[in-house]
Amino acid sequence: MTKRNKIIYWIATLWLSLGMFSTGLVQLLKQKEQVDLFTHLGYPIYFLTILAVGKFLGVAAVLIPKTPVLKEWAYAGFFFAMMGALLSHIALGGPATVLFPPLLLLVLTLVSWYFRPADRKLIAVS
């Protein structure tokens, strides 16, 4: 892995982890804005707790060395959660301002996954 790719990986991964952890914390605390948003989107409030726990576990899985199978599941979970958030906002005609956060986290998920080191992949490709 080149030094450039390693830098890209760590920047994307740290920002992804910070974003997922902070949004998970806000969801776990059930802040009024999150409750209002989930109500507007038509999701039950208990889904906030499920998403928060999933995000915390995903951040741990992505940051802990080794465990490549767990990392794949975490990246997949992040991808589907952010794609679901994007599509939910689009389906209800949400403004661009609400599309940016899940889109950014989706891009960071893809960049982190793509640039991950060989020892963090299921099959190391030379």
N, C-alpha and C. Protein backbone atom coordinates (compact mmCIF):
# COMPACT_ATOMS: atom_id res chain seq x y z
N MET A 1 0.85 -1.17 0.00
CA MET A 1 0.00 0.00 0.00
C MET A 1 0.89 1.24 0.00
N THR A 2 0.60 2.14 -0.90
CA THR A 2 1.40 3.36 -0.98
C THR A 2 1.08 4.29 0.19
N LYS A 3 1.99 5.18 0.46
CA LYS A 3 1.79 6.14 1.54
C LYS A 3 0.56 7.01 1.27
N ARG A 4 0.36 7.40 0.01
CA ARG A 4 -0.79 8.21 -0.39
C ARG A 4 -2.09 7.49 -0.07
N ASN A 5 -2.18 6.21 -0.44
CA ASN A 5 -3.40 5.43 -0.19
C ASN A 5 -3.64 5.24 1.31
N LYS A 6 -2.56 5.07 2.07
CA LYS A 6 -2.70 4.91 3.51
C LYS A 6 -3.25 6.20 4.14
N ILE A 7 -2.77 7.33 3.67
CA ILE A 7 -3.26 8.62 4.19
C ILE A 7 -4.73 8.81 3.84
N ILE A 8 -5.10 8.50 2.59
CA ILE A 8 -6.50 8.61 2.17
C ILE A 8 -7.38 7.70 3.03
N TYR A 9 -6.91 6.46 3.23
CA TYR A 9 -7.68 5.50 4.04
C TYR A 9 -7.92 6.04 5.45
N TRP A 10 -6.85 6.50 6.11
CA TRP A 10 -7.00 6.92 7.50
C TRP A 10 -7.81 8.19 7.64
N ILE A 11 -7.66 9.11 6.72
CA ILE A 11 -8.48 10.34 6.79
C ILE A 11 -9.95 9.98 6.61
N ALA A 12 -10.27 9.19 5.60
CA ALA A 12 -11.66 8.79 5.36
C ALA A 12 -12.21 7.97 6.52
N THR A 13 -11.41 7.05 7.03
CA THR A 13 -11.87 6.17 8.10
C THR A 13 -12.10 6.93 9.41
N LEU A 14 -11.20 7.85 9.72
CA LEU A 14 -11.38 8.63 10.95
C LEU A 14 -12.59 9.56 10.86
N TRP A 15 -12.79 10.20 9.72
CA TRP A 15 -13.96 11.07 9.53
C TRP A 15 -15.25 10.24 9.53
N LEU A 16 -15.20 9.08 8.88
CA LEU A 16 -16.36 8.18 8.88
C LEU A 16 -16.70 7.75 10.31
N SER A 17 -15.68 7.34 11.05
CA SER A 17 -15.90 6.90 12.43
C SER A 17 -16.44 8.02 13.30
N LEU A 18 -15.88 9.20 13.16
CA LEU A 18 -16.37 10.35 13.92
C LEU A 18 -17.82 10.67 13.56
N GLY A 19 -18.13 10.64 12.27
CA GLY A 19 -19.49 10.92 11.82
C GLY A 19 -20.49 9.89 12.30
N MET A 20 -20.13 8.62 12.20
CA MET A 20 -21.04 7.56 12.64
C MET A 20 -21.20 7.57 14.15
N PHE A 21 -20.10 7.79 14.87
CA PHE A 21 -20.19 7.82 16.33
C PHE A 21 -21.03 8.99 16.81
N SER A 22 -20.79 10.17 16.24
CA SER A 22 -21.53 11.36 16.70
C SER A 22 -23.02 11.26 16.35
N THR A 23 -23.35 10.78 15.15
CA THR A 23 -24.77 10.63 14.81
C THR A 23 -25.41 9.53 15.65
N GLY A 24 -24.64 8.48 15.94
CA GLY A 24 -25.15 7.42 16.82
C GLY A 24 -25.44 7.94 18.21
N LEU A 25 -24.56 8.79 18.72
CA LEU A 25 -24.76 9.36 20.05
C LEU A 25 -26.02 10.23 20.10
N VAL A 26 -26.20 11.06 19.07
CA VAL A 26 -27.39 11.92 18.99
C VAL A 26 -28.65 11.06 18.91
N GLN A 27 -28.56 9.95 18.18
CA GLN A 27 -29.72 9.07 18.05
C GLN A 27 -29.99 8.32 19.36
N LEU A 28 -28.93 7.88 20.03
CA LEU A 28 -29.10 7.16 21.29
C LEU A 28 -29.72 8.06 22.35
N LEU A 29 -29.33 9.33 22.35
CA LEU A 29 -29.86 10.29 23.32
C LEU A 29 -31.26 10.78 22.93
N LYS A 30 -31.70 10.38 21.76
CA LYS A 30 -33.02 10.74 21.24
C LYS A 30 -33.26 12.25 21.32
N GLN A 31 -32.33 13.00 20.74
CA GLN A 31 -32.49 14.45 20.70
C GLN A 31 -33.75 14.80 19.91
N LYS A 32 -34.37 15.90 20.29
CA LYS A 32 -35.64 16.30 19.71
C LYS A 32 -35.60 16.36 18.19
N GLU A 33 -34.51 16.90 17.62
CA GLU A 33 -34.39 17.01 16.15
C GLU A 33 -34.43 15.63 15.50
N GLN A 34 -33.77 14.66 16.12
CA GLN A 34 -33.77 13.30 15.57
C GLN A 34 -35.14 12.65 15.68
N VAL A 35 -35.79 12.85 16.82
CA VAL A 35 -37.13 12.30 17.01
C VAL A 35 -38.09 12.91 15.98
N ASP A 36 -38.01 14.23 15.80
CA ASP A 36 -38.87 14.91 14.82
C ASP A 36 -38.58 14.40 13.40
N LEU A 37 -37.30 14.22 13.08
CA LEU A 37 -36.92 13.75 11.75
C LEU A 37 -37.45 12.34 11.50
N PHE A 38 -37.27 11.45 12.46
CA PHE A 38 -37.72 10.07 12.28
C PHE A 38 -39.25 9.99 12.21
N THR A 39 -39.91 10.84 12.99
CA THR A 39 -41.37 10.91 12.92
C THR A 39 -41.81 11.39 11.55
N HIS A 40 -41.14 12.42 11.04
CA HIS A 40 -41.46 12.95 9.71
C HIS A 40 -41.23 11.89 8.63
N LEU A 41 -40.17 11.10 8.77
CA LEU A 41 -39.87 10.07 7.78
C LEU A 41 -40.78 8.84 7.92
N GLY A 42 -41.49 8.76 9.04
CA GLY A 42 -42.42 7.65 9.23
C GLY A 42 -41.82 6.43 9.92
N TYR A 43 -40.65 6.60 10.54
CA TYR A 43 -40.00 5.49 11.23
C TYR A 43 -40.36 5.52 12.71
N PRO A 44 -40.43 4.34 13.35
CA PRO A 44 -40.69 4.32 14.79
C PRO A 44 -39.49 4.85 15.57
N ILE A 45 -39.73 5.44 16.70
CA ILE A 45 -38.69 6.06 17.50
C ILE A 45 -37.67 5.03 18.01
N TYR A 46 -38.11 3.80 18.30
CA TYR A 46 -37.16 2.79 18.78
C TYR A 46 -36.08 2.48 17.75
N PHE A 47 -36.33 2.82 16.50
CA PHE A 47 -35.33 2.59 15.44
C PHE A 47 -34.08 3.43 15.68
N LEU A 48 -34.21 4.56 16.39
CA LEU A 48 -33.06 5.39 16.74
C LEU A 48 -32.05 4.60 17.57
N THR A 49 -32.54 3.85 18.53
CA THR A 49 -31.66 3.05 19.39
C THR A 49 -30.98 1.95 18.59
N ILE A 50 -31.72 1.29 17.72
CA ILE A 50 -31.17 0.22 16.89
C ILE A 50 -30.05 0.77 16.00
N LEU A 51 -30.31 1.90 15.35
CA LEU A 51 -29.29 2.51 14.50
C LEU A 51 -28.07 2.93 15.31
N ALA A 52 -28.29 3.52 16.47
CA ALA A 52 -27.17 3.98 17.30
C ALA A 52 -26.27 2.83 17.70
N VAL A 53 -26.85 1.75 18.18
CA VAL A 53 -26.05 0.59 18.60
C VAL A 53 -25.30 0.02 17.40
N GLY A 54 -25.97 -0.08 16.27
CA GLY A 54 -25.31 -0.57 15.05
C GLY A 54 -24.14 0.31 14.64
N LYS A 55 -24.30 1.62 14.75
CA LYS A 55 -23.22 2.54 14.39
C LYS A 55 -22.04 2.39 15.34
N PHE A 56 -22.30 2.28 16.65
CA PHE A 56 -21.21 2.11 17.62
C PHE A 56 -20.44 0.81 17.35
N LEU A 57 -21.17 -0.26 17.12
CA LEU A 57 -20.51 -1.54 16.84
C LEU A 57 -19.74 -1.49 15.52
N GLY A 58 -20.31 -0.80 14.53
CA GLY A 58 -19.64 -0.66 13.24
C GLY A 58 -18.35 0.13 13.34
N VAL A 59 -18.37 1.21 14.11
CA VAL A 59 -17.15 2.01 14.31
C VAL A 59 -16.07 1.16 14.97
N ALA A 60 -16.45 0.41 15.99
CA ALA A 60 -15.47 -0.46 16.66
C ALA A 60 -14.91 -1.49 15.68
N ALA A 61 -15.76 -2.08 14.88
CA ALA A 61 -15.32 -3.10 13.92
C ALA A 61 -14.37 -2.52 12.87
N VAL A 62 -14.66 -1.33 12.41
CA VAL A 62 -13.81 -0.71 11.37
C VAL A 62 -12.45 -0.32 11.94
N LEU A 63 -12.40 0.11 13.19
CA LEU A 63 -11.15 0.60 13.76
C LEU A 63 -10.27 -0.50 14.37
N ILE A 64 -10.86 -1.59 14.82
CA ILE A 64 -10.08 -2.65 15.44
C ILE A 64 -9.30 -3.41 14.35
N PRO A 65 -8.00 -3.61 14.56
CA PRO A 65 -7.21 -4.34 13.56
C PRO A 65 -7.65 -5.81 13.43
N LYS A 66 -7.26 -6.38 12.31
CA LYS A 66 -7.61 -7.77 11.97
C LYS A 66 -9.11 -7.84 11.70
N THR A 67 -9.79 -8.87 12.07
CA THR A 67 -11.23 -9.08 11.92
C THR A 67 -11.80 -8.60 10.57
N PRO A 68 -11.27 -9.09 9.44
CA PRO A 68 -11.74 -8.60 8.14
C PRO A 68 -13.21 -8.93 7.84
N VAL A 69 -13.71 -10.05 8.32
CA VAL A 69 -15.12 -10.40 8.07
C VAL A 69 -16.04 -9.40 8.78
N LEU A 70 -15.70 -9.08 10.01
CA LEU A 70 -16.48 -8.12 10.77
C LEU A 70 -16.46 -6.75 10.10
N LYS A 71 -15.31 -6.37 9.56
CA LYS A 71 -15.20 -5.08 8.86
C LYS A 71 -16.11 -5.03 7.64
N GLU A 72 -16.16 -6.12 6.88
CA GLU A 72 -17.03 -6.16 5.71
C GLU A 72 -18.48 -5.95 6.11
N TRP A 73 -18.89 -6.58 7.20
CA TRP A 73 -20.26 -6.41 7.69
C TRP A 73 -20.50 -4.98 8.13
N ALA A 74 -19.51 -4.39 8.79
CA ALA A 74 -19.65 -3.00 9.26
C ALA A 74 -19.78 -2.05 8.08
N TYR A 75 -18.92 -2.21 7.07
CA TYR A 75 -19.00 -1.36 5.89
C TYR A 75 -20.35 -1.54 5.18
N ALA A 76 -20.81 -2.78 5.10
CA ALA A 76 -22.11 -3.04 4.46
C ALA A 76 -23.23 -2.37 5.26
N GLY A 77 -23.17 -2.47 6.58
CA GLY A 77 -24.18 -1.83 7.42
C GLY A 77 -24.18 -0.32 7.26
N PHE A 78 -22.99 0.28 7.23
CA PHE A 78 -22.89 1.73 7.01
C PHE A 78 -23.46 2.10 5.65
N PHE A 79 -23.12 1.31 4.64
CA PHE A 79 -23.60 1.60 3.28
C PHE A 79 -25.12 1.56 3.23
N PHE A 80 -25.71 0.51 3.75
CA PHE A 80 -27.17 0.37 3.68
C PHE A 80 -27.89 1.40 4.55
N ALA A 81 -27.32 1.72 5.70
CA ALA A 81 -27.94 2.74 6.56
C ALA A 81 -27.94 4.10 5.88
N MET A 82 -26.81 4.47 5.28
CA MET A 82 -26.73 5.79 4.63
C MET A 82 -27.52 5.82 3.33
N MET A 83 -27.53 4.72 2.60
CA MET A 83 -28.35 4.66 1.38
C MET A 83 -29.83 4.74 1.75
N GLY A 84 -30.21 4.09 2.83
CA GLY A 84 -31.59 4.16 3.30
C GLY A 84 -31.97 5.57 3.73
N ALA A 85 -31.05 6.25 4.40
CA ALA A 85 -31.31 7.64 4.82
C ALA A 85 -31.48 8.53 3.59
N LEU A 86 -30.58 8.39 2.64
CA LEU A 86 -30.68 9.20 1.40
C LEU A 86 -32.00 8.96 0.69
N LEU A 87 -32.33 7.71 0.48
CA LEU A 87 -33.55 7.38 -0.27
C LEU A 87 -34.80 7.81 0.49
N SER A 88 -34.77 7.73 1.82
CA SER A 88 -35.91 8.18 2.62
C SER A 88 -36.14 9.68 2.44
N HIS A 89 -35.05 10.45 2.49
CA HIS A 89 -35.16 11.90 2.32
C HIS A 89 -35.61 12.25 0.90
N ILE A 90 -35.07 11.55 -0.08
CA ILE A 90 -35.45 11.81 -1.47
C ILE A 90 -36.92 11.47 -1.70
N ALA A 91 -37.37 10.35 -1.13
CA ALA A 91 -38.76 9.92 -1.32
C ALA A 91 -39.75 10.94 -0.79
N LEU A 92 -39.36 11.65 0.27
CA LEU A 92 -40.25 12.65 0.85
C LEU A 92 -39.96 14.05 0.33
N GLY A 93 -39.10 14.13 -0.66
CA GLY A 93 -38.81 15.43 -1.27
C GLY A 93 -38.04 16.37 -0.37
N GLY A 94 -37.12 15.80 0.41
CA GLY A 94 -36.33 16.62 1.33
C GLY A 94 -35.40 17.56 0.59
N PRO A 95 -35.09 18.72 1.19
CA PRO A 95 -34.17 19.67 0.56
C PRO A 95 -32.74 19.12 0.54
N ALA A 96 -31.91 19.74 -0.28
CA ALA A 96 -30.52 19.29 -0.44
C ALA A 96 -29.76 19.32 0.89
N THR A 97 -30.16 20.22 1.77
CA THR A 97 -29.45 20.33 3.06
C THR A 97 -29.57 19.07 3.90
N VAL A 98 -30.67 18.34 3.78
CA VAL A 98 -30.80 17.09 4.54
C VAL A 98 -30.17 15.91 3.82
N LEU A 99 -29.87 16.07 2.54
CA LEU A 99 -29.23 15.00 1.78
C LEU A 99 -27.72 14.97 1.99
N PHE A 100 -27.13 16.12 2.32
CA PHE A 100 -25.67 16.20 2.41
C PHE A 100 -25.06 15.29 3.48
N PRO A 101 -25.55 15.28 4.73
CA PRO A 101 -24.89 14.43 5.75
C PRO A 101 -24.87 12.94 5.40
N PRO A 102 -26.01 12.32 5.02
CA PRO A 102 -25.90 10.90 4.68
C PRO A 102 -25.09 10.66 3.40
N LEU A 103 -25.13 11.61 2.47
CA LEU A 103 -24.33 11.46 1.25
C LEU A 103 -22.84 11.50 1.58
N LEU A 104 -22.45 12.42 2.44
CA LEU A 104 -21.05 12.52 2.86
C LEU A 104 -20.60 11.23 3.56
N LEU A 105 -21.42 10.73 4.47
CA LEU A 105 -21.06 9.48 5.17
C LEU A 105 -21.04 8.29 4.22
N LEU A 106 -21.89 8.30 3.22
CA LEU A 106 -21.88 7.24 2.21
C LEU A 106 -20.57 7.28 1.41
N VAL A 107 -20.17 8.47 0.99
CA VAL A 107 -18.91 8.62 0.24
C VAL A 107 -17.73 8.22 1.12
N LEU A 108 -17.71 8.64 2.37
CA LEU A 108 -16.62 8.26 3.27
C LEU A 108 -16.58 6.75 3.48
N THR A 109 -17.74 6.12 3.56
CA THR A 109 -17.79 4.66 3.68
C THR A 109 -17.14 4.00 2.47
N LEU A 110 -17.50 4.45 1.28
CA LEU A 110 -16.94 3.86 0.06
C LEU A 110 -15.44 4.11 -0.06
N VAL A 111 -14.99 5.32 0.27
CA VAL A 111 -13.56 5.64 0.18
C VAL A 111 -12.77 4.81 1.19
N SER A 112 -13.26 4.75 2.42
CA SER A 112 -12.58 3.97 3.45
C SER A 112 -12.51 2.49 3.05
N TRP A 113 -13.61 1.96 2.56
CA TRP A 113 -13.65 0.56 2.15
C TRP A 113 -12.68 0.31 0.99
N TYR A 114 -12.68 1.18 0.00
CA TYR A 114 -11.86 0.99 -1.19
C TYR A 114 -10.36 1.06 -0.87
N PHE A 115 -9.97 1.97 0.00
CA PHE A 115 -8.56 2.19 0.28
C PHE A 115 -8.05 1.43 1.51
N ARG A 116 -8.85 0.52 2.07
CA ARG A 116 -8.40 -0.20 3.25
C ARG A 116 -7.18 -1.07 2.93
N PRO A 117 -6.28 -1.21 3.90
CA PRO A 117 -5.06 -2.01 3.68
C PRO A 117 -5.39 -3.48 3.46
N ALA A 118 -4.46 -4.18 2.87
CA ALA A 118 -4.66 -5.60 2.53
C ALA A 118 -4.97 -6.45 3.75
N ASP A 119 -4.37 -6.13 4.91
CA ASP A 119 -4.64 -6.93 6.11
C ASP A 119 -6.02 -6.68 6.70
N ARG A 120 -6.75 -5.73 6.13
CA ARG A 120 -8.11 -5.44 6.57
C ARG A 120 -9.15 -5.90 5.55
N LYS A 121 -8.68 -6.68 4.56
CA LYS A 121 -9.57 -7.20 3.52
C LYS A 121 -9.76 -8.69 3.74
N LEU A 122 -10.85 -9.22 3.20
CA LEU A 122 -11.09 -10.67 3.30
C LEU A 122 -10.05 -11.44 2.51
N ILE A 123 -9.77 -10.99 1.29
CA ILE A 123 -8.78 -11.64 0.45
C ILE A 123 -7.75 -10.58 0.07
N ALA A 124 -6.52 -10.82 0.49
CA ALA A 124 -5.47 -9.84 0.17
C ALA A 124 -5.11 -9.98 -1.29
N VAL A 125 -5.22 -8.87 -2.01
CA VAL A 125 -4.90 -8.84 -3.44
C VAL A 125 -3.57 -8.10 -3.61
N SER A 126 -2.65 -8.73 -4.31
CA SER A 126 -1.33 -8.09 -4.51
C SER A 126 -1.33 -7.21 -5.71
